[in-house]
Amino acid sequence: MTIDELANEIRAVSDEQLIQDLARYMEEWKEDDRNAEALKTMVDRFLGNVWIPEEKDHSKAYHLWSSFRDDAIHGIGGMSMNERLYVFSLFERFDSCESEEETLMIYEKLHAKP
């Protein structure tokens, strides 16, 4: 599952604003300079500290997230750069880098070495 697919799956869990916000935060992460570990921390805190009215919605969102987290973030060290770009839906951003600084930032975001 890619992060875009994850955000779409979470968005489909409920129309609850907090669930929609969580999906949006994941999508926004792709555009900033925080790394995968920061994404993990952000989403884990969100799901641990925000009260989602329906327990079934929280449970479903948490299950989707924890599956992605365990595969993608905990397994990031065993992935090639192309796999990382795919899983975190960053191919387009990587291909549009106009400077070496931008490219290096994406490598850092994905815990990779150029």
C-alpha atoms as a PDB file:
ATOM      1  CA  MET A   1       0.000   0.000   0.000  1.00  0.00           C
ATOM      2  CA  THR A   2       1.255   3.500  -0.815  1.00  0.00           C
ATOM      3  CA  ILE A   3       0.728   6.521   1.407  1.00  0.00           C
ATOM      4  CA  ASP A   4      -1.769   7.893  -1.130  1.00  0.00           C
ATOM      5  CA  GLU A   5      -3.732   4.651  -0.998  1.00  0.00           C
ATOM      6  CA  LEU A   6      -3.565   4.743   2.801  1.00  0.00           C
ATOM      7  CA  ALA A   7      -4.911   8.299   2.910  1.00  0.00           C
ATOM      8  CA  ASN A   8      -7.766   7.308   0.581  1.00  0.00           C
ATOM      9  CA  GLU A   9      -8.587   4.220   2.668  1.00  0.00           C
ATOM     10  CA  ILE A  10      -8.595   6.279   5.862  1.00  0.00           C
ATOM     11  CA  ARG A  11     -10.720   8.962   4.227  1.00  0.00           C
ATOM     12  CA  ALA A  12     -13.257   6.242   3.331  1.00  0.00           C
ATOM     13  CA  VAL A  13     -13.533   5.101   6.971  1.00  0.00           C
ATOM     14  CA  SER A  14     -15.822   7.954   7.959  1.00  0.00           C
ATOM     15  CA  ASP A  15     -16.977  11.462   7.128  1.00  0.00           C
ATOM     16  CA  GLU A  16     -15.910  12.463  10.654  1.00  0.00           C
ATOM     17  CA  GLN A  17     -13.769  15.604  10.386  1.00  0.00           C
ATOM     18  CA  LEU A  18     -10.945  14.160  12.496  1.00  0.00           C
ATOM     19  CA  ILE A  19     -10.647  11.156  10.173  1.00  0.00           C
ATOM     20  CA  GLN A  20     -10.590  13.487   7.167  1.00  0.00           C
ATOM     21  CA  ASP A  21      -7.924  15.624   8.890  1.00  0.00           C
ATOM     22  CA  LEU A  22      -5.759  12.565   9.467  1.00  0.00           C
ATOM     23  CA  ALA A  23      -5.846  11.680   5.765  1.00  0.00           C
ATOM     24  CA  ARG A  24      -5.030  15.275   4.863  1.00  0.00           C
ATOM     25  CA  TYR A  25      -2.056  15.357   7.287  1.00  0.00           C
ATOM     26  CA  MET A  26      -0.625  12.275   5.593  1.00  0.00           C
ATOM     27  CA  GLU A  27      -0.941  13.867   2.171  1.00  0.00           C
ATOM     28  CA  GLU A  28       0.565  17.139   3.387  1.00  0.00           C
ATOM     29  CA  TRP A  29       3.574  15.260   4.789  1.00  0.00           C
ATOM     30  CA  LYS A  30       4.634  14.474   1.231  1.00  0.00           C
ATOM     31  CA  GLU A  31       5.128  18.183   0.526  1.00  0.00           C
ATOM     32  CA  ASP A  32       7.112  19.201   3.605  1.00  0.00           C
ATOM     33  CA  ASP A  33      10.635  18.350   4.757  1.00  0.00           C
ATOM     34  CA  ARG A  34       9.803  16.034   7.687  1.00  0.00           C
ATOM     35  CA  ASN A  35      11.142  12.496   7.408  1.00  0.00           C
ATOM     36  CA  ALA A  36       9.375   9.140   7.672  1.00  0.00           C
ATOM     37  CA  GLU A  37      10.109   8.883  11.397  1.00  0.00           C
ATOM     38  CA  ALA A  38       8.396  12.255  11.945  1.00  0.00           C
ATOM     39  CA  LEU A  39       5.378  10.955  10.001  1.00  0.00           C
ATOM     40  CA  LYS A  40       5.260   7.937  12.304  1.00  0.00           C
ATOM     41  CA  THR A  41       5.440  10.123  15.401  1.00  0.00           C
ATOM     42  CA  MET A  42       2.822  12.552  14.079  1.00  0.00           C
ATOM     43  CA  VAL A  43       0.246   9.898  13.187  1.00  0.00           C
ATOM     44  CA  ASP A  44       0.849   7.790  16.295  1.00  0.00           C
ATOM     45  CA  ARG A  45       0.326  10.883  18.457  1.00  0.00           C
ATOM     46  CA  PHE A  46      -2.746  11.903  16.518  1.00  0.00           C
ATOM     47  CA  LEU A  47      -4.374   8.493  16.896  1.00  0.00           C
ATOM     48  CA  GLY A  48      -3.322   8.268  20.538  1.00  0.00           C
ATOM     49  CA  ASN A  49      -4.411  11.739  21.613  1.00  0.00           C
ATOM     50  CA  VAL A  50      -7.469  12.633  19.531  1.00  0.00           C
ATOM     51  CA  TRP A  51     -10.862  11.343  20.551  1.00  0.00           C
ATOM     52  CA  ILE A  52     -12.718   9.966  17.549  1.00  0.00           C
ATOM     53  CA  PRO A  53     -16.383   9.586  18.564  1.00  0.00           C
ATOM     54  CA  GLU A  54     -16.955   6.171  16.961  1.00  0.00           C
ATOM     55  CA  GLU A  55     -14.677   3.449  18.324  1.00  0.00           C
ATOM     56  CA  LYS A  56     -15.087   1.407  15.138  1.00  0.00           C
ATOM     57  CA  ASP A  57     -13.796   4.353  13.074  1.00  0.00           C
ATOM     58  CA  HIS A  58     -10.795   4.783  15.350  1.00  0.00           C
ATOM     59  CA  SER A  59     -10.089   1.063  15.268  1.00  0.00           C
ATOM     60  CA  LYS A  60     -10.293   0.876  11.466  1.00  0.00           C
ATOM     61  CA  ALA A  61      -8.076   3.946  10.983  1.00  0.00           C
ATOM     62  CA  TYR A  62      -5.569   2.619  13.513  1.00  0.00           C
ATOM     63  CA  HIS A  63      -5.485  -0.798  11.846  1.00  0.00           C
ATOM     64  CA  LEU A  64      -4.845   0.753   8.410  1.00  0.00           C
ATOM     65  CA  TRP A  65      -2.157   3.028   9.813  1.00  0.00           C
ATOM     66  CA  SER A  66      -0.386   0.370  11.872  1.00  0.00           C
ATOM     67  CA  SER A  67      -0.232  -1.979   8.896  1.00  0.00           C
ATOM     68  CA  PHE A  68       1.326   0.761   6.727  1.00  0.00           C
ATOM     69  CA  ARG A  69       3.657   1.856   9.542  1.00  0.00           C
ATOM     70  CA  ASP A  70       4.897  -1.664  10.191  1.00  0.00           C
ATOM     71  CA  ASP A  71       5.511  -2.421   6.514  1.00  0.00           C
ATOM     72  CA  ALA A  72       6.688   0.927   5.190  1.00  0.00           C
ATOM     73  CA  ILE A  73       8.311   2.837   8.026  1.00  0.00           C
ATOM     74  CA  HIS A  74       9.685  -0.035  10.085  1.00  0.00           C
ATOM     75  CA  GLY A  75      10.813  -1.759   6.868  1.00  0.00           C
ATOM     76  CA  ILE A  76      12.261   1.309   5.161  1.00  0.00           C
ATOM     77  CA  GLY A  77      15.860   0.199   5.726  1.00  0.00           C
ATOM     78  CA  GLY A  78      15.383  -2.845   3.501  1.00  0.00           C
ATOM     79  CA  MET A  79      13.934  -0.903   0.566  1.00  0.00           C
ATOM     80  CA  SER A  80      15.658   0.459  -2.494  1.00  0.00           C
ATOM     81  CA  MET A  81      15.251   4.162  -3.209  1.00  0.00           C
ATOM     82  CA  ASN A  82      12.703   3.382  -5.936  1.00  0.00           C
ATOM     83  CA  GLU A  83      10.665   1.304  -3.495  1.00  0.00           C
ATOM     84  CA  ARG A  84      10.755   4.139  -0.963  1.00  0.00           C
ATOM     85  CA  LEU A  85       9.656   6.672  -3.571  1.00  0.00           C
ATOM     86  CA  TYR A  86       6.795   4.376  -4.602  1.00  0.00           C
ATOM     87  CA  VAL A  87       5.548   3.505  -1.113  1.00  0.00           C
ATOM     88  CA  PHE A  88       5.643   7.120   0.035  1.00  0.00           C
ATOM     89  CA  SER A  89       4.190   8.397  -3.279  1.00  0.00           C
ATOM     90  CA  LEU A  90       7.133  10.697  -3.924  1.00  0.00           C
ATOM     91  CA  PHE A  91       8.163   9.760  -7.480  1.00  0.00           C
ATOM     92  CA  GLU A  92       6.628  12.885  -8.991  1.00  0.00           C
ATOM     93  CA  ARG A  93       8.197  15.188  -6.414  1.00  0.00           C
ATOM     94  CA  PHE A  94      11.586  13.494  -6.789  1.00  0.00           C
ATOM     95  CA  ASP A  95      11.476  13.706 -10.594  1.00  0.00           C
ATOM     96  CA  SER A  96      10.608  17.404 -10.457  1.00  0.00           C
ATOM     97  CA  CYS A  97      13.543  18.373  -8.216  1.00  0.00           C
ATOM     98  CA  GLU A  98      15.350  21.319  -9.727  1.00  0.00           C
ATOM     99  CA  SER A  99      18.386  21.334  -7.467  1.00  0.00           C
ATOM    100  CA  GLU A 100      20.654  18.888  -5.728  1.00  0.00           C
ATOM    101  CA  GLU A 101      19.489  20.375  -2.421  1.00  0.00           C
ATOM    102  CA  GLU A 102      15.877  19.363  -3.168  1.00  0.00           C
ATOM    103  CA  THR A 103      16.999  15.870  -4.179  1.00  0.00           C
ATOM    104  CA  LEU A 104      19.055  15.458  -1.009  1.00  0.00           C
ATOM    105  CA  MET A 105      16.091  16.582   1.092  1.00  0.00           C
ATOM    106  CA  ILE A 106      13.995  13.736  -0.337  1.00  0.00           C
ATOM    107  CA  TYR A 107      16.798  11.268   0.358  1.00  0.00           C
ATOM    108  CA  GLU A 108      16.823  12.493   3.972  1.00  0.00           C
ATOM    109  CA  LYS A 109      13.020  12.370   4.140  1.00  0.00           C
ATOM    110  CA  LEU A 110      13.184   8.682   3.208  1.00  0.00           C
ATOM    111  CA  HIS A 111      16.228   7.813   5.340  1.00  0.00           C
ATOM    112  CA  ALA A 112      18.342   7.069   2.261  1.00  0.00           C
ATOM    113  CA  LYS A 113      21.856   7.894   1.166  1.00  0.00           C
ATOM    114  CA  PRO A 114      22.483   9.339  -2.290  1.00  0.00           C
END
